[in-house]
C-alpha cells in the first residue's frame, strides 16, 4: 500500500511539474518571438542613444572673413577662426551620471513591459487549461445526454416513455451540444491569441505535430493547472515582491536622475568656455594665435533651478503613491486568492461525498426518481463542477498577477 501511494504521489508531482514546465516553455518562446517586445526593445535603445547624445560637445565652428581696402582693391586681409565651445568639465561628469540613472530606469521600464506581455500570455495559458477542462466536462455531459436520448427513443417506441420526457432529454442534448461547440470555438480563439503573441511562430517546441495540424491544449501540455500554493504569511511576500517591482525601480532611478538634474541646474551659473585657432594676414604676413572665449549665463539658466526642484519633489510624491498602490494591489490579490482557495477546498470536500452520476442514471432508468428529479440533481452536479473549474481559473490568475514581478 505504501508503495502504491508513493507511486501515485510521484505521478501527481510529475504531472504538476510538467504543467508548470509547459507554461514556462511557452513564455520563453513568447519572450523571444513577441513583436511588441522586439519593438519596445528598439524604442528603449533609441531613447538611450538620445539621452547619451544630449551630453555631446557642441559642433565646432569655422569662420573666414575676406576684407579689402576701398581705396586699394589689391590690398586684402584674410582671417580664419576655428573654435570649439564646451561646458565646464564637471557638467559633463554630472550629466553622464544622470544618463546612467536614466538608462537604468529605461531598463526597468522594459522589464515591466516584458512582465505585462508574459502575464498576458500566462493568463491565456490558464484560460486554455480552463476551457480544456470545461470541454472534457461537456464531453461527459454530452455522452450522458446522448445515451439517455437513445434509451428514451427506444422506450418511446416501446410505449414505455412519454413524449414530454423524450423531448426534455432531446432539448438537454441540444443545449449541451451547443455549449460544447461554443466552448470549442472559444478554446481555438484563445490558442490563436497565444500564437499571435508568439509572432505566429510554432508554439509546440519539443512536441512535433503533423504539418498543418492545429496546436491543441494537449499538444501544448496545457491540460491541468500547475501547483500554486498560497503563502501563509503575506508581509514577507509583499516586501519581496515590492523589491522586485520594475515599475518602482524605474521610478526610483528617475527620482535619482531628477536629483542629479537639480545639481546640474545649480551649476548653470558656471560660464561656458570656447577655445580655438585664429589666423590673420592683415600685416602682410600670416599671424597665428589662440582664441579664448567665455559665455556668461545671464538669461539661459533663469528659473531652471526652481523647475528642477519642482520636478524632483513631484517624482518623490509619485514614488510614494506608486509604492502605496503596488502594496494595496498585492494585498487585494492575496485576499482574493485566499478566498478563492477556501471556496475551492469546500467544493472538493463536497465532491468527495457526492452521488455518482451513474447511480443517478440507474435510479432514473429503474424508476426510483423522476425525470425532473434527475435533471435537477445532474444539473447541480455539472454546474458545481463547472463552478470549481472557474474558481480554479480565477485562483490561478490571481496568483499569476500576485507573482507578476517574478516572471
Protein backbone atom coordinates (compact mmCIF):
# COMPACT_ATOMS: atom_id res chain seq x y z
CA UNK A 1 0.00 0.00 0.00
CA UNK A 2 2.85 2.41 0.85
CA UNK A 3 4.46 1.64 -2.49
CA UNK A 4 1.20 2.32 -4.34
CA UNK A 5 0.69 5.61 -2.50
CA UNK A 6 4.29 6.62 -3.28
CA UNK A 7 3.81 5.87 -6.98
CA UNK A 8 0.56 7.87 -7.05
CA UNK A 9 2.19 10.82 -5.29
CA UNK A 10 5.17 10.67 -7.66
CA UNK A 11 2.85 10.59 -10.69
CA UNK A 12 0.89 13.63 -9.44
CA UNK A 13 4.07 15.58 -8.73
CA UNK A 14 5.49 14.71 -12.15
CA UNK A 15 2.26 15.81 -13.84
CA UNK A 16 2.16 19.13 -11.97
CA UNK A 17 5.82 19.82 -12.80
CA UNK A 18 5.11 19.04 -16.44
CA UNK A 19 2.27 21.59 -16.48
CA UNK A 20 4.48 24.25 -14.93
CA UNK A 21 7.25 23.38 -17.38
CA UNK A 22 4.85 23.64 -20.33
CA UNK A 23 3.80 27.16 -19.36
CA UNK A 24 7.41 28.21 -18.75
CA UNK A 25 8.45 26.88 -22.18
CA UNK A 26 5.65 28.80 -23.86
CA UNK A 27 6.56 32.01 -22.01
CA UNK A 28 10.21 31.57 -23.05
CA UNK A 29 9.18 31.27 -26.69
CA UNK A 30 6.94 34.34 -26.47
CA UNK A 31 9.70 36.35 -24.79
CA UNK A 32 11.89 35.50 -27.78
CA UNK A 33 9.35 35.96 -30.59
CA UNK A 34 6.81 38.57 -29.43
CA UNK A 35 6.70 41.54 -31.88
CA UNK A 36 5.69 44.00 -29.15
CA UNK A 37 8.73 43.11 -27.06
CA UNK A 38 11.00 43.49 -30.08
CA UNK A 39 9.53 46.90 -30.91
CA UNK A 40 9.81 48.04 -27.30
CA UNK A 41 13.45 46.93 -27.16
CA UNK A 42 14.22 49.10 -30.19
CA UNK A 43 12.34 52.05 -28.66
CA UNK A 44 14.30 51.72 -25.40
CA UNK A 45 17.58 51.51 -27.31
CA UNK A 46 16.68 54.63 -29.27
CA UNK A 47 15.83 56.54 -26.08
CA UNK A 48 19.16 55.54 -24.51
CA UNK A 49 21.06 56.86 -27.53
CA UNK A 50 19.03 60.06 -27.45
CA UNK A 51 19.87 60.60 -23.75
CA UNK A 52 23.53 59.93 -24.47
CA UNK A 53 23.51 62.42 -27.35
CA UNK A 54 22.39 65.20 -25.00
CA UNK A 55 25.83 65.10 -23.35
CA UNK A 56 27.81 65.51 -26.58
CA UNK A 57 30.02 68.50 -27.30
CA UNK A 58 28.52 71.26 -29.49
CA UNK A 59 29.61 71.31 -33.13
CA UNK A 60 32.87 73.15 -33.80
CA UNK A 61 32.63 76.42 -35.76
CA UNK A 62 34.74 77.63 -38.65
CA UNK A 63 34.56 81.23 -39.92
CA UNK A 64 36.56 83.00 -42.60
CA UNK A 65 36.50 86.75 -43.30
CA UNK A 66 37.92 88.32 -46.50
CA UNK A 67 38.34 92.13 -46.37
CA UNK A 68 39.56 94.55 -48.99
CA UNK A 69 40.60 98.21 -48.94
CA UNK A 70 38.05 100.52 -50.59
CA UNK A 71 40.90 102.78 -51.88
CA UNK A 72 43.24 99.99 -52.96
CA UNK A 73 41.46 96.96 -54.35
CA UNK A 74 44.71 94.98 -54.43
CA UNK A 75 45.11 95.26 -50.65
CA UNK A 76 43.14 92.44 -48.93
CA UNK A 77 43.03 90.91 -45.50
CA UNK A 78 42.03 87.33 -44.65
CA UNK A 79 41.01 85.98 -41.26
CA UNK A 80 40.31 82.36 -40.35
CA UNK A 81 38.85 81.29 -37.00
CA UNK A 82 38.29 77.69 -35.90
CA UNK A 83 36.67 77.37 -32.46
CA UNK A 84 35.16 74.76 -30.16
CA UNK A 85 32.80 75.69 -27.32
CA UNK A 86 32.10 73.44 -24.35
CA UNK A 87 30.67 73.42 -20.85
CA UNK A 88 32.73 73.22 -17.73
CA UNK A 89 34.03 69.58 -17.40
CA UNK A 90 32.13 68.91 -14.15
CA UNK A 91 28.84 69.36 -16.02
CA UNK A 92 29.71 66.54 -18.44
CA UNK A 93 30.53 64.28 -15.50
CA UNK A 94 27.22 65.11 -13.79
CA UNK A 95 25.22 64.63 -16.98
CA UNK A 96 26.97 61.28 -17.54
CA UNK A 97 25.87 60.08 -14.09
CA UNK A 98 22.33 61.32 -14.75
CA UNK A 99 22.21 59.45 -18.08
CA UNK A 100 23.34 56.24 -16.39
CA UNK A 101 20.46 56.59 -13.94
CA UNK A 102 18.07 57.21 -16.84
CA UNK A 103 19.43 54.14 -18.61
CA UNK A 104 18.76 52.01 -15.52
CA UNK A 105 15.24 53.46 -15.34
CA UNK A 106 14.67 52.60 -19.02
CA UNK A 107 15.86 49.03 -18.43
CA UNK A 108 13.36 48.75 -15.57
CA UNK A 109 10.59 50.08 -17.83
CA UNK A 110 11.49 47.45 -20.43
CA UNK A 111 11.34 44.77 -17.73
CA UNK A 112 7.91 45.99 -16.60
CA UNK A 113 6.63 45.84 -20.18
CA UNK A 114 8.10 42.34 -20.62
CA UNK A 115 6.29 41.17 -17.49
CA UNK A 116 2.99 42.62 -18.74
CA UNK A 117 3.27 40.72 -22.03
CA UNK A 118 4.26 37.48 -20.27
CA UNK A 119 1.42 37.88 -17.77
CA UNK A 120 -1.00 38.26 -20.67
CA UNK A 121 0.45 35.09 -22.20
CA UNK A 122 0.26 33.19 -18.90
CA UNK A 123 -3.38 34.17 -18.39
CA UNK A 124 -4.10 32.89 -21.89
CA UNK A 125 -2.44 29.59 -20.96
CA UNK A 126 -4.58 29.40 -17.82
CA UNK A 127 -7.72 30.14 -19.85
CA UNK A 128 -6.77 27.38 -22.30
CA UNK A 129 -6.44 24.93 -19.38
CA UNK A 130 -9.86 26.04 -18.08
CA UNK A 131 -11.51 25.66 -21.50
CA UNK A 132 -9.88 22.27 -21.99
CA UNK A 133 -11.28 21.09 -18.65
CA UNK A 134 -14.69 22.56 -19.47
CA UNK A 135 -14.59 20.71 -22.79
CA UNK A 136 -13.84 17.44 -21.01
CA UNK A 137 -16.76 18.06 -18.62
CA UNK A 138 -19.08 18.95 -21.50
CA UNK A 139 -18.00 15.79 -23.36
CA UNK A 140 -19.04 13.70 -20.34
CA UNK A 141 -22.31 15.60 -20.12
CA UNK A 142 -22.85 15.20 -23.88
CA UNK A 143 -22.17 11.45 -23.76
CA UNK A 144 -24.60 11.12 -20.87
CA UNK A 145 -27.29 13.05 -22.75
CA UNK A 146 -26.75 11.01 -25.94
CA UNK A 147 -27.09 7.73 -24.05
CA UNK A 148 -30.29 8.92 -22.37
CA UNK A 149 -31.69 10.22 -25.66
CA UNK A 150 -31.04 6.86 -27.39
CA UNK A 151 -32.52 4.95 -24.44
CA UNK A 152 -35.69 7.04 -24.27
CA UNK A 153 -36.12 6.90 -28.05
CA UNK A 154 -36.32 3.09 -27.75
CA UNK A 155 -38.59 3.33 -24.71
CA UNK A 156 -40.87 5.73 -26.59
CA UNK A 157 -41.17 3.24 -29.46
CA UNK A 158 -41.97 0.52 -26.98
CA UNK A 159 -44.55 2.73 -25.26
CA UNK A 160 -42.58 2.73 -22.02
CA UNK A 161 -41.95 6.52 -22.03
CA UNK A 162 -43.95 9.60 -22.92
CA UNK A 163 -43.23 12.34 -25.45
CA UNK A 164 -42.67 15.05 -22.81
CA UNK A 165 -39.82 13.14 -21.19
CA UNK A 166 -38.26 12.34 -24.55
CA UNK A 167 -38.49 15.96 -25.69
CA UNK A 168 -36.89 17.18 -22.47
CA UNK A 169 -33.95 14.83 -22.94
CA UNK A 170 -33.59 15.87 -26.61
CA UNK A 171 -33.60 19.54 -25.55
CA UNK A 172 -30.91 18.82 -22.97
CA UNK A 173 -28.87 17.07 -25.67
CA UNK A 174 -29.22 20.07 -27.97
CA UNK A 175 -28.21 22.52 -25.24
CA UNK A 176 -25.15 20.52 -24.23
CA UNK A 177 -24.07 20.05 -27.85
CA UNK A 178 -24.34 23.80 -28.41
CA UNK A 179 -22.35 24.57 -25.26
CA UNK A 180 -19.65 22.12 -26.34
CA UNK A 181 -19.38 23.75 -29.77
CA UNK A 182 -19.19 27.27 -28.31
CA UNK A 183 -16.58 26.17 -25.77
CA UNK A 184 -14.52 24.56 -28.52
CA UNK A 185 -14.71 27.77 -30.58
CA UNK A 186 -13.57 29.87 -27.62
CA UNK A 187 -10.71 27.44 -26.98
CA UNK A 188 -9.49 27.74 -30.57
CA UNK A 189 -9.70 31.54 -30.34
CA UNK A 190 -7.52 31.51 -27.20
CA UNK A 191 -4.99 29.26 -28.91
CA UNK A 192 -4.92 31.69 -31.83
CA UNK A 193 -4.33 34.62 -29.44
CA UNK A 194 -1.43 32.72 -27.88
CA UNK A 195 0.04 32.06 -31.30
CA UNK A 196 -0.29 35.76 -32.17
CA UNK A 197 1.61 36.71 -29.02
CA UNK A 198 4.35 34.35 -30.20
CA UNK A 199 4.56 36.16 -33.54
CA UNK A 200 2.83 33.25 -35.31
CA UNK A 201 5.90 31.12 -34.67
CA UNK A 202 5.40 27.44 -33.67
CA UNK A 203 4.43 27.05 -30.03
CA UNK A 204 4.93 23.32 -29.70
CA UNK A 205 8.66 23.29 -29.05
CA UNK A 206 9.66 19.71 -28.40
CA UNK A 207 6.20 18.49 -29.45
CA UNK A 208 6.32 17.97 -33.23
CA UNK A 209 2.97 17.82 -34.99
CA UNK A 210 1.97 16.85 -38.47
CA UNK A 211 2.34 19.67 -40.97
CA UNK A 212 -0.72 21.93 -40.92
CA UNK A 213 -2.13 20.32 -37.78
CA UNK A 214 -3.51 22.81 -35.22
CA UNK A 215 -1.94 23.05 -31.79
CA UNK A 216 -4.39 21.95 -29.14
CA UNK A 217 -4.26 22.16 -25.36
CA UNK A 218 -2.98 18.60 -25.11
CA UNK A 219 -0.20 19.14 -27.64
CA UNK A 220 0.98 22.20 -25.72
CA UNK A 221 0.76 20.46 -22.35
CA UNK A 222 -1.95 22.84 -21.15
CA UNK A 223 -4.41 20.38 -19.63
CA UNK A 224 -4.04 20.84 -15.85
CA UNK A 225 -3.09 23.73 -13.59
CA UNK A 226 0.39 23.72 -12.05
CA UNK A 227 0.67 23.51 -8.27
CA UNK A 228 0.50 27.07 -6.91
CA UNK A 229 0.23 27.02 -3.12
CA UNK A 230 -0.87 30.14 -1.28
CA UNK A 231 1.83 31.52 1.08
CA UNK A 232 0.77 31.51 4.72
CA UNK A 233 2.31 34.91 5.59
CA UNK A 234 1.66 37.93 3.37
CA UNK A 235 4.04 40.50 4.93
CA UNK A 236 7.41 38.98 3.85
CA UNK A 237 5.93 38.08 0.47
CA UNK A 238 4.80 41.68 -0.05
CA UNK A 239 8.24 43.07 0.82
CA UNK A 240 9.90 40.61 -1.55
CA UNK A 241 7.57 41.41 -4.45
CA UNK A 242 7.81 45.17 -3.94
CA UNK A 243 11.61 44.90 -4.01
CA UNK A 244 11.34 43.09 -7.36
CA UNK A 245 8.81 45.53 -8.87
CA UNK A 246 10.40 47.06 -12.01
CA UNK A 247 7.93 49.96 -12.05
CA UNK A 248 9.07 51.05 -8.59
CA UNK A 249 12.70 50.52 -9.61
CA UNK A 250 12.16 52.72 -12.66
CA UNK A 251 10.56 55.49 -10.61
CA UNK A 252 13.36 55.28 -8.04
CA UNK A 253 16.04 55.74 -10.70
CA UNK A 254 14.06 58.51 -12.37
CA UNK A 255 13.91 60.24 -8.96
CA UNK A 256 17.69 59.95 -8.58
CA UNK A 257 18.09 61.31 -12.11
CA UNK A 258 15.86 64.26 -11.19
CA UNK A 259 18.06 64.96 -8.17
CA UNK A 260 21.11 64.88 -10.40
CA UNK A 261 19.34 67.24 -12.82
CA UNK A 262 18.82 69.63 -9.89
CA UNK A 263 22.55 69.51 -9.20
CA UNK A 264 23.27 70.24 -12.87
CA UNK A 265 20.86 73.17 -12.86
CA UNK A 266 22.62 74.64 -9.82
CA UNK A 267 25.86 74.52 -11.80
CA UNK A 268 24.28 76.53 -14.59
CA UNK A 269 25.99 79.73 -13.39
CA UNK A 270 29.38 78.38 -14.49
CA UNK A 271 30.44 80.13 -17.74
CA UNK A 272 30.70 78.14 -20.95
CA UNK A 273 34.16 78.07 -22.50
CA UNK A 274 35.41 78.46 -26.05
CA UNK A 275 38.84 77.60 -27.40
CA UNK A 276 40.06 77.95 -30.94
CA UNK A 277 42.67 78.89 -33.51
CA UNK A 278 42.89 82.22 -35.35
CA UNK A 279 44.89 83.16 -38.46
CA UNK A 280 45.17 86.78 -39.69
CA UNK A 281 47.02 88.18 -42.73
CA UNK A 282 46.49 91.91 -42.09
CA UNK A 283 50.18 92.77 -41.58
CA UNK A 284 51.24 91.26 -44.86
CA UNK A 285 52.38 88.01 -43.39
CA UNK A 286 50.25 85.46 -41.51
CA UNK A 287 49.68 85.83 -37.78
CA UNK A 288 48.62 82.74 -35.85
CA UNK A 289 47.06 82.74 -32.41
CA UNK A 290 44.72 81.22 -29.88
CA UNK A 291 41.09 82.25 -29.32
CA UNK A 292 39.68 82.03 -25.79
CA UNK A 293 36.10 82.96 -25.04
CA UNK A 294 33.52 82.84 -22.25
CA UNK A 295 29.73 82.77 -22.36
CA UNK A 296 28.06 84.15 -19.24
CA UNK A 297 24.68 82.51 -18.39
CA UNK A 298 22.76 85.65 -17.52
CA UNK A 299 19.44 84.60 -19.11
CA UNK A 300 19.57 80.94 -20.24
CA UNK A 301 19.60 79.43 -16.73
CA UNK A 302 16.85 81.65 -15.32
CA UNK A 303 14.25 79.64 -13.27
CA UNK A 304 15.84 76.29 -14.23
CA UNK A 305 16.75 75.52 -10.61
CA UNK A 306 13.17 76.15 -9.49
CA UNK A 307 11.85 73.89 -12.26
CA UNK A 308 14.30 71.13 -11.32
CA UNK A 309 13.30 71.36 -7.63
CA UNK A 310 9.61 71.13 -8.50
CA UNK A 311 10.20 68.11 -10.77
CA UNK A 312 12.28 66.33 -8.10
CA UNK A 313 9.56 66.91 -5.48
CA UNK A 314 6.87 65.70 -7.89
CA UNK A 315 8.83 62.49 -8.53
CA UNK A 316 9.09 61.82 -4.77
CA UNK A 317 5.31 62.06 -4.45
CA UNK A 318 4.89 59.77 -7.44
CA UNK A 319 7.23 57.21 -5.89
CA UNK A 320 5.32 57.20 -2.60
CA UNK A 321 1.98 56.91 -4.39
CA UNK A 322 3.21 54.14 -6.70
CA UNK A 323 4.56 52.10 -3.78
CA UNK A 324 1.31 52.52 -1.83
CA UNK A 325 -0.77 51.46 -4.84
CA UNK A 326 1.50 48.48 -5.55
CA UNK A 327 1.27 47.29 -1.93
CA UNK A 328 -2.53 47.71 -1.94
CA UNK A 329 -2.80 45.79 -5.21
CA UNK A 330 -0.72 42.91 -3.82
CA UNK A 331 -2.82 42.82 -0.64
CA UNK A 332 -6.06 42.71 -2.67
CA UNK A 333 -4.72 39.91 -4.90
CA UNK A 334 -3.61 37.92 -1.86
CA UNK A 335 -7.02 38.29 -0.20
CA UNK A 336 -8.77 37.35 -3.44
CA UNK A 337 -6.60 34.25 -3.82
CA UNK A 338 -7.20 33.34 -0.16
CA UNK A 339 -10.99 33.48 -0.57
CA UNK A 340 -10.90 31.57 -3.84
CA UNK A 341 -8.68 28.88 -2.33
CA UNK A 342 -11.13 28.46 0.57
CA UNK A 343 -14.04 28.02 -1.85
CA UNK A 344 -12.07 25.50 -3.93
CA UNK A 345 -11.36 23.38 -0.86
CA UNK A 346 -15.05 23.45 0.13
CA UNK A 347 -16.11 22.27 -3.34
CA UNK A 348 -13.58 19.45 -3.27
CA UNK A 349 -14.81 18.26 0.11
CA UNK A 350 -18.40 18.19 -1.15
CA UNK A 351 -17.45 16.35 -4.35
CA UNK A 352 -15.73 13.68 -2.26
CA UNK A 353 -19.14 12.88 -0.72
CA UNK A 354 -21.45 13.39 -3.71
CA UNK A 355 -23.52 10.78 -5.54
CA UNK A 356 -22.04 9.20 -8.65
CA UNK A 357 -23.69 10.18 -11.95
CA UNK A 358 -24.05 6.53 -12.92
CA UNK A 359 -26.07 5.89 -9.76
CA UNK A 360 -28.40 8.75 -10.69
CA UNK A 361 -28.83 7.33 -14.18
CA UNK A 362 -29.61 3.85 -12.80
CA UNK A 363 -32.11 5.36 -10.38
CA UNK A 364 -33.81 7.15 -13.30
CA UNK A 365 -33.91 4.05 -15.50
CA UNK A 366 -35.15 1.95 -12.60
CA UNK A 367 -37.94 4.42 -11.87
CA UNK A 368 -36.64 5.31 -8.42
CA UNK A 369 -36.53 9.02 -9.29
CA UNK A 370 -38.47 11.09 -11.79
CA UNK A 371 -37.09 12.82 -14.85
CA UNK A 372 -37.40 16.21 -13.14
CA UNK A 373 -35.51 14.97 -10.07
CA UNK A 374 -32.81 13.50 -12.28
CA UNK A 375 -32.25 16.70 -14.25
CA UNK A 376 -32.21 18.78 -11.08
CA UNK A 377 -29.59 16.51 -9.47
CA UNK A 378 -27.46 16.18 -12.60
CA UNK A 379 -27.73 19.91 -13.33
CA UNK A 380 -26.48 20.73 -9.82
CA UNK A 381 -23.55 18.31 -10.17
CA UNK A 382 -22.41 19.61 -13.56
CA UNK A 383 -22.92 23.25 -12.57
CA UNK A 384 -20.92 22.70 -9.39
CA UNK A 385 -18.07 21.10 -11.34
CA UNK A 386 -18.15 23.99 -13.81
CA UNK A 387 -18.03 26.41 -10.86
CA UNK A 388 -14.98 24.59 -9.49
CA UNK A 389 -13.21 24.86 -12.85
CA UNK A 390 -13.99 28.60 -12.91
CA UNK A 391 -12.82 29.09 -9.33
CA UNK A 392 -9.54 27.31 -10.04
CA UNK A 393 -9.01 29.53 -13.09
CA UNK A 394 -9.66 32.69 -11.08
CA UNK A 395 -7.32 31.48 -8.32
CA UNK A 396 -4.53 30.69 -10.78
CA UNK A 397 -4.94 34.12 -12.43
CA UNK A 398 -4.87 35.88 -9.07
CA UNK A 399 -1.67 34.04 -8.18
CA UNK A 400 -0.16 34.82 -11.59
CA UNK A 401 -0.85 38.54 -11.05
CA UNK A 402 0.47 38.31 -7.50
CA UNK A 403 3.74 36.82 -8.75
CA UNK A 404 3.94 39.03 -11.88
CA UNK A 405 7.22 40.58 -10.69
CA UNK A 406 8.82 37.12 -10.77
CA UNK A 407 8.00 36.40 -14.40
